Amino acid sequence: MLIRLISSIAAFAGIVVSAIVAAYAADIKPAVVYDLGGRFDKSFNEGVYNGAEKFKKDTGVAYRDFEITNDAQREQALRKFARDGFNPIIAVGFSHGAAVEKVAGEYPDTSFTIIDMVVDKPNVNSIVFKEHEGSYLVGVLAAMASESGKVGFVGGMDIPLIRRFACGYVGGVKAAKSDAEVFQNMTGTTGAAWSDPVKGGELAKSQFGRGADVVYHAAGGTGLGVLQAAADSGKLGIGVDSNQNHLHPGKVLTSMLKRVDIAAYTTFESAMKGTFKPGVQVMGLAEGGVGWALDDNNKPLVNDAMMAAVKKASDDIISGKIKVHDYMSDKKCPY
C-alpha cells in the first residue's frame, strides 16, 4: 500500500513538473539569426545551432532560425521575428550590432541577445568572450607540438576581434617557446572572409611553405580550408569555436572552444524561467566560456608535458598570475 502511495505521489509530481515546463514553453518563442557563413559552418554559427538544438531536445521547446546571405537581411530578419512575436531572439555575431540596436528600440518588450558585440539597450543581453585567453592556451600547445619552431595563424575578417585571437595565440606560443616564429595572415576585409575555404587553404599552404608545421585558424567556414590544407600537407591544424578535432582525426592538434552553444542555451533557458537579464555578460576561462578540446581524435598528439603546461597556464590565467593581453583594449600586441 505504501509503495503504491509513493508511486502515485511520484507520478503526480511528474505530471506537475511537466505541466510547469509546458506552461513556461507556451510563453516563449525563441529565434536565432545567424551570421554570414550559415548554421552549418562547423564553427561559430554551428556552435549556436548546437546550443539551440540541445535546448529543444531538453525542453521540447521549438525555435525558428534564419541564415542571412547579405548584410541587408540582418535588420529585416530581426524585425520580422520580433513582429511575429518571437521572444527571445539571438543575433549571432558583432555585425548584427546596428540592426539589434535599431530593432530592439522598436520592440522594447522583446528580449534580444547579441553575441560578440555590446548593445546598450534595456532589453538586450550582450554576451562577449575572452577569446585571447583560450587562444593563449592553444598557442602553448602549438609551440610545444612544433618541430620547426615556426607556427601560423589564419584569421577571417581583419577586425580587432580576430586580432584578439591572434595576439593571445602569439602570447601563448612565446610563453612556451620564446624564440618561436609566428606567421599571420587575414583572409579579407568583408563578410566574405568567413566563407572562403579555398583562400584559407592557400594562406595555410603559404605558411607551411615558409616552415610552419602548426596553423591555428579563427576564420569560420574559411578555416575548413586551413584544416584541410594541414591534413593534406602532413602538418597540424588548430580549430576554433566548436570542437573541430573530428574533421581530420590525428591532424587537428586541438580546437579553441568558444562556448557560444552555452550562450544560446542559457539565453533560451533564462527566458523560459523568467530570469532573462539585459546587460553585458563576459565569458572567459574562469566562467567556462573558452577552453581547448581534448578527445579521442587528438589525444595521441598531446603528451603529458603539454597537458601539464596548458593546465598551469590555465590555472595562472584564472588566478590572475598571467594576464593575457587583450587586443580589444589596447591595439598593440606586445608579444
Protein backbone atom coordinates (compact mmCIF):
# COMPACT_ATOMS: atom_id res chain seq x y z
CA MET A 1 0.00 0.00 0.00
CA LEU A 2 2.80 2.39 0.97
CA ILE A 3 4.69 1.56 -2.22
CA ARG A 4 1.58 2.30 -4.32
CA LEU A 5 1.10 5.57 -2.46
CA ILE A 6 4.71 6.61 -3.08
CA SER A 7 4.39 5.67 -6.75
CA SER A 8 1.20 7.71 -7.05
CA ILE A 9 2.85 10.73 -5.44
CA ALA A 10 5.87 10.42 -7.74
CA ALA A 11 3.62 10.16 -10.79
CA PHE A 12 1.62 13.18 -9.67
CA ALA A 13 4.84 15.15 -9.11
CA GLY A 14 5.95 14.23 -12.61
CA ILE A 15 2.68 15.47 -14.05
CA VAL A 16 3.01 18.75 -12.14
CA VAL A 17 6.59 19.28 -13.35
CA SER A 18 5.55 18.52 -16.93
CA ALA A 19 2.69 20.99 -16.64
CA ILE A 20 5.01 23.68 -15.31
CA VAL A 21 7.51 23.11 -18.15
CA ALA A 22 4.67 23.21 -20.67
CA ALA A 23 3.42 26.48 -19.19
CA TYR A 24 6.87 28.01 -19.47
CA ALA A 25 7.22 26.67 -23.02
CA ALA A 26 4.00 28.33 -24.06
CA ASP A 27 5.36 31.71 -23.04
CA ILE A 28 8.43 31.76 -25.27
CA LYS A 29 9.02 31.58 -29.00
CA PRO A 30 12.82 31.51 -29.41
CA ALA A 31 14.55 32.52 -32.62
CA VAL A 32 18.09 32.75 -33.99
CA VAL A 33 19.53 34.89 -36.78
CA TYR A 34 22.89 33.50 -37.88
CA ASP A 35 25.81 35.43 -39.28
CA LEU A 36 27.23 35.02 -42.77
CA GLY A 37 28.53 31.50 -43.25
CA GLY A 38 25.32 29.83 -42.10
CA ARG A 39 24.25 27.38 -39.41
CA PHE A 40 26.47 24.55 -40.64
CA ASP A 41 29.82 26.32 -40.85
CA LYS A 42 31.34 23.72 -38.44
CA SER A 43 32.43 26.63 -36.26
CA PHE A 44 30.85 29.80 -34.83
CA ASN A 45 27.30 29.66 -36.20
CA GLU A 46 27.09 25.92 -35.77
CA GLY A 47 28.04 26.26 -32.12
CA VAL A 48 24.96 28.43 -31.57
CA TYR A 49 22.85 25.97 -33.55
CA ASN A 50 24.09 23.10 -31.34
CA GLY A 51 23.12 25.03 -28.20
CA ALA A 52 19.66 25.77 -29.58
CA GLU A 53 19.20 22.14 -30.60
CA LYS A 54 20.20 20.91 -27.14
CA PHE A 55 17.69 23.27 -25.56
CA LYS A 56 14.97 21.98 -27.87
CA LYS A 57 15.86 18.38 -27.02
CA ASP A 58 15.95 19.03 -23.27
CA THR A 59 12.77 21.09 -23.04
CA GLY A 60 10.65 20.28 -26.08
CA VAL A 61 10.57 23.99 -26.96
CA ALA A 62 10.93 24.55 -30.69
CA TYR A 63 12.72 27.55 -32.17
CA ARG A 64 12.98 29.25 -35.55
CA ASP A 65 16.18 30.32 -37.23
CA PHE A 66 17.30 32.21 -40.30
CA GLU A 67 20.52 32.22 -42.34
CA ILE A 68 21.31 35.60 -43.83
CA THR A 69 23.04 35.80 -47.20
CA ASN A 70 23.76 39.54 -47.19
CA ASP A 71 24.07 42.39 -44.69
CA ALA A 72 20.71 43.96 -45.60
CA GLN A 73 18.90 40.89 -44.26
CA ARG A 74 20.11 41.39 -40.68
CA GLU A 75 17.62 44.09 -39.79
CA GLN A 76 14.87 42.54 -41.91
CA ALA A 77 15.16 39.14 -40.21
CA LEU A 78 15.30 40.54 -36.67
CA ARG A 79 12.30 42.79 -37.28
CA LYS A 80 10.23 40.00 -38.84
CA PHE A 81 10.90 37.70 -35.89
CA ALA A 82 10.04 40.45 -33.41
CA ARG A 83 6.90 41.43 -35.32
CA ASP A 84 5.78 37.80 -35.38
CA GLY A 85 6.08 37.54 -31.60
CA PHE A 86 9.31 35.60 -31.30
CA ASN A 87 10.99 36.13 -27.95
CA PRO A 88 13.89 35.85 -27.12
CA ILE A 89 15.83 36.47 -30.32
CA ILE A 90 19.53 35.70 -30.64
CA ALA A 91 21.67 37.66 -33.11
CA VAL A 92 24.87 35.78 -33.88
CA GLY A 93 27.94 37.97 -34.41
CA PHE A 94 29.20 41.51 -33.99
CA SER A 95 27.95 42.55 -37.43
CA HIS A 96 24.37 42.48 -36.11
CA GLY A 97 25.15 45.35 -33.73
CA ALA A 98 23.48 48.22 -35.58
CA ALA A 99 20.46 46.08 -36.54
CA VAL A 100 19.92 44.87 -32.97
CA GLU A 101 20.18 48.40 -31.60
CA LYS A 102 17.53 49.64 -34.02
CA VAL A 103 15.08 46.72 -33.81
CA ALA A 104 15.41 46.38 -30.02
CA GLY A 105 14.39 50.03 -29.80
CA GLU A 106 11.31 49.37 -31.90
CA TYR A 107 10.28 46.32 -29.84
CA PRO A 108 11.09 47.17 -26.21
CA ASP A 109 9.06 44.24 -24.87
CA THR A 110 11.11 41.69 -26.83
CA SER A 111 14.29 40.25 -25.32
CA PHE A 112 17.36 40.13 -27.56
CA THR A 113 20.77 38.53 -27.10
CA ILE A 114 23.71 39.52 -29.27
CA ILE A 115 26.93 37.53 -29.31
CA ASP A 116 30.32 39.25 -29.73
CA MET A 117 29.05 42.82 -29.51
CA VAL A 118 27.79 45.15 -26.78
CA VAL A 119 24.48 46.90 -27.47
CA ASP A 120 23.36 49.23 -24.70
CA LYS A 121 19.60 48.74 -24.66
CA PRO A 122 17.37 47.82 -21.68
CA ASN A 123 16.11 44.69 -23.45
CA VAL A 124 19.44 43.42 -24.83
CA ASN A 125 21.80 40.89 -23.28
CA SER A 126 25.28 41.27 -24.78
CA ILE A 127 27.50 38.20 -24.48
CA VAL A 128 31.20 38.62 -25.17
CA PHE A 129 34.09 36.21 -24.74
CA LYS A 130 37.74 36.38 -23.72
CA GLU A 131 38.98 34.72 -26.88
CA HIS A 132 42.53 35.81 -26.11
CA GLU A 133 42.60 33.54 -23.05
CA GLY A 134 41.60 30.42 -24.95
CA SER A 135 43.91 31.35 -27.81
CA TYR A 136 46.81 31.65 -25.37
CA LEU A 137 46.27 28.04 -24.33
CA VAL A 138 46.28 26.66 -27.86
CA GLY A 139 49.36 28.81 -28.52
CA VAL A 140 51.16 26.96 -25.74
CA LEU A 141 50.17 23.64 -27.32
CA ALA A 142 51.17 24.80 -30.81
CA ALA A 143 54.66 25.83 -29.70
CA MET A 144 55.23 22.57 -27.84
CA ALA A 145 53.95 20.45 -30.74
CA SER A 146 56.01 22.32 -33.35
CA GLU A 147 59.23 20.70 -34.51
CA SER A 148 60.31 23.61 -36.72
CA GLY A 149 59.79 26.37 -34.17
CA LYS A 150 57.52 28.08 -36.71
CA VAL A 151 53.73 28.22 -36.40
CA GLY A 152 50.96 30.14 -38.13
CA PHE A 153 47.65 31.91 -37.71
CA VAL A 154 44.94 32.49 -40.35
CA GLY A 155 42.20 34.93 -39.43
CA GLY A 156 38.94 35.60 -41.21
CA MET A 157 37.80 39.21 -41.49
CA ASP A 158 40.55 41.63 -40.45
CA ILE A 159 38.92 43.25 -37.42
CA PRO A 160 40.06 43.89 -33.83
CA LEU A 161 38.08 40.87 -32.59
CA ILE A 162 40.11 38.48 -34.75
CA ARG A 163 43.32 40.31 -33.90
CA ARG A 164 42.44 39.48 -30.29
CA PHE A 165 42.56 35.77 -31.16
CA ALA A 166 45.88 36.26 -32.94
CA CYS A 167 47.53 38.25 -30.16
CA GLY A 168 46.51 35.80 -27.45
CA TYR A 169 47.82 32.95 -29.59
CA VAL A 170 51.19 34.63 -30.07
CA GLY A 171 51.36 35.21 -26.32
CA GLY A 172 50.93 31.52 -25.61
CA VAL A 173 53.41 30.50 -28.30
CA LYS A 174 56.09 32.86 -26.97
CA ALA A 175 55.46 31.79 -23.38
CA ALA A 176 56.18 28.18 -24.29
CA LYS A 177 59.00 28.85 -26.76
CA SER A 178 60.34 32.41 -26.69
CA ASP A 179 62.27 32.13 -29.97
CA ALA A 180 59.35 30.68 -31.95
CA GLU A 181 58.27 32.45 -35.14
CA VAL A 182 54.60 33.14 -35.80
CA PHE A 183 53.26 33.85 -39.29
CA GLN A 184 49.95 35.70 -39.55
CA ASN A 185 47.51 36.28 -42.41
CA MET A 186 43.98 37.65 -42.57
CA THR A 187 41.62 36.45 -45.28
CA GLY A 188 39.87 39.72 -46.15
CA THR A 189 38.10 42.87 -45.01
CA THR A 190 34.46 42.00 -45.78
CA GLY A 191 31.99 39.39 -44.59
CA ALA A 192 33.05 37.14 -47.46
CA ALA A 193 36.21 36.41 -45.48
CA TRP A 194 34.24 33.99 -43.30
CA SER A 195 33.26 31.65 -46.13
CA ASP A 196 36.26 31.23 -48.44
CA PRO A 197 37.87 27.84 -47.67
CA VAL A 198 39.89 27.97 -50.89
CA LYS A 199 41.60 31.19 -49.77
CA GLY A 200 42.04 29.74 -46.29
CA GLY A 201 43.80 26.72 -47.74
CA GLU A 202 46.05 28.90 -49.88
CA LEU A 203 47.11 31.02 -46.91
CA ALA A 204 47.83 27.94 -44.82
CA LYS A 205 49.89 26.35 -47.61
CA SER A 206 51.89 29.56 -47.89
CA GLN A 207 52.70 29.41 -44.18
CA PHE A 208 53.61 25.73 -44.43
CA GLY A 209 55.88 26.63 -47.32
CA ARG A 210 57.72 29.08 -45.03
CA GLY A 211 58.34 26.35 -42.48
CA ALA A 212 55.30 26.41 -40.21
CA ASP A 213 54.12 23.00 -39.06
CA VAL A 214 51.12 24.06 -36.92
CA VAL A 215 48.49 26.60 -38.05
CA TYR A 216 45.61 27.95 -35.96
CA HIS A 217 42.59 29.46 -37.68
CA ALA A 218 39.93 31.87 -36.47
CA ALA A 219 38.10 32.19 -39.75
CA GLY A 220 34.71 30.49 -39.61
CA GLY A 221 33.98 28.47 -42.74
CA THR A 222 37.22 29.70 -44.30
CA GLY A 223 39.06 27.76 -41.64
CA LEU A 224 37.81 24.48 -43.07
CA GLY A 225 40.27 25.08 -45.90
CA VAL A 226 43.05 25.70 -43.39
CA LEU A 227 42.40 22.38 -41.65
CA GLN A 228 42.17 20.56 -44.98
CA ALA A 229 45.48 22.06 -46.12
CA ALA A 230 47.12 20.96 -42.87
CA ALA A 231 45.86 17.41 -43.29
CA ASP A 232 46.92 17.29 -46.95
CA SER A 233 50.39 18.64 -46.09
CA GLY A 234 51.02 16.26 -43.21
CA LYS A 235 51.00 19.20 -40.78
CA LEU A 236 48.76 20.13 -37.86
CA GLY A 237 45.81 22.49 -37.78
CA ILE A 238 44.04 24.03 -34.79
CA GLY A 239 40.29 24.50 -34.94
CA VAL A 240 38.16 27.23 -33.41
CA ASP A 241 34.82 27.94 -31.71
CA SER A 242 33.35 24.42 -31.99
CA ASN A 243 35.36 21.23 -31.45
CA GLN A 244 36.76 20.55 -34.93
CA ASN A 245 39.11 17.72 -33.91
CA HIS A 246 36.93 15.15 -35.66
CA LEU A 247 37.18 16.81 -39.07
CA HIS A 248 40.67 15.39 -39.61
CA PRO A 249 41.45 12.95 -36.78
CA GLY A 250 45.12 12.98 -35.88
CA LYS A 251 45.74 16.14 -37.92
CA VAL A 252 43.94 18.67 -35.73
CA LEU A 253 46.13 19.36 -32.69
CA THR A 254 43.19 20.81 -30.74
CA SER A 255 40.37 23.33 -31.07
CA MET A 256 39.97 26.58 -29.17
CA LEU A 257 36.49 26.27 -27.74
CA LYS A 258 34.31 29.36 -27.62
CA ARG A 259 31.15 28.24 -25.87
CA VAL A 260 28.55 30.03 -27.93
CA ASP A 261 26.47 26.88 -27.50
CA ILE A 262 26.20 27.71 -23.81
CA ALA A 263 25.33 31.31 -24.66
CA ALA A 264 22.43 30.14 -26.84
CA TYR A 265 21.19 27.55 -24.36
CA THR A 266 21.26 29.87 -21.35
CA THR A 267 19.54 32.66 -23.30
CA PHE A 268 16.59 30.42 -24.09
CA GLU A 269 16.60 28.84 -20.63
CA SER A 270 16.59 32.18 -18.79
CA ALA A 271 13.71 33.42 -20.95
CA MET A 272 11.77 30.24 -20.21
CA LYS A 273 12.35 30.62 -16.48
CA GLY A 274 11.60 34.34 -16.49
CA THR A 275 15.14 35.25 -15.39
CA PHE A 276 16.41 36.85 -18.61
CA LYS A 277 18.61 39.84 -17.70
CA PRO A 278 19.85 42.58 -20.04
CA GLY A 279 23.38 43.90 -19.69
CA VAL A 280 26.85 42.64 -20.52
CA GLN A 281 27.98 39.08 -19.82
CA VAL A 282 31.69 38.29 -20.17
CA MET A 283 32.75 34.66 -20.57
CA GLY A 284 36.41 33.74 -20.13
CA LEU A 285 38.33 30.77 -18.76
CA ALA A 286 37.06 31.33 -15.23
CA GLU A 287 33.45 31.31 -16.43
CA GLY A 288 33.88 28.26 -18.65
CA GLY A 289 33.36 30.40 -21.74
CA VAL A 290 36.57 29.43 -23.54
CA GLY A 291 38.94 26.48 -23.40
CA TRP A 292 40.53 23.79 -25.54
CA ALA A 293 39.33 20.43 -26.81
CA LEU A 294 40.77 17.04 -25.90
CA ASP A 295 39.13 13.86 -27.16
CA ASP A 296 39.98 10.54 -28.79
CA ASN A 297 40.76 12.32 -32.07
CA ASN A 298 43.70 14.31 -30.71
CA LYS A 299 44.80 12.54 -27.51
CA PRO A 300 47.83 10.94 -29.20
CA LEU A 301 49.06 14.41 -30.18
CA VAL A 302 49.06 15.86 -26.65
CA ASN A 303 51.74 14.42 -24.39
CA ASP A 304 51.99 14.69 -20.61
CA ALA A 305 54.31 17.71 -20.72
CA MET A 306 51.86 19.56 -22.94
CA MET A 307 48.96 18.66 -20.67
CA ALA A 308 50.85 19.94 -17.64
CA ALA A 309 51.89 23.16 -19.38
CA VAL A 310 48.43 24.05 -20.59
CA LYS A 311 46.90 23.25 -17.21
CA LYS A 312 49.39 25.51 -15.47
CA ALA A 313 48.74 28.28 -17.98
CA SER A 314 45.00 27.93 -17.49
CA ASP A 315 45.29 27.97 -13.70
CA ASP A 316 47.58 31.02 -13.82
CA ILE A 317 45.20 32.92 -16.11
CA ILE A 318 42.24 32.18 -13.86
CA SER A 319 44.18 33.21 -10.74
CA GLY A 320 45.42 36.39 -12.38
CA LYS A 321 49.08 35.40 -12.30
CA ILE A 322 49.10 35.52 -16.09
CA LYS A 323 47.31 38.45 -17.72
CA VAL A 324 46.82 37.76 -21.40
CA HIS A 325 46.96 40.93 -23.46
CA ASP A 326 43.53 41.96 -24.78
CA TYR A 327 43.91 43.49 -28.23
CA MET A 328 40.40 44.96 -27.99
CA SER A 329 41.54 47.13 -25.07
CA ASP A 330 44.99 48.01 -26.37
CA LYS A 331 45.60 47.54 -30.08
CA LYS A 332 49.31 46.95 -29.69
CA CYS A 333 50.18 43.29 -29.29
CA PRO A 334 53.25 43.22 -27.02
CA TYR A 335 54.40 39.68 -27.73
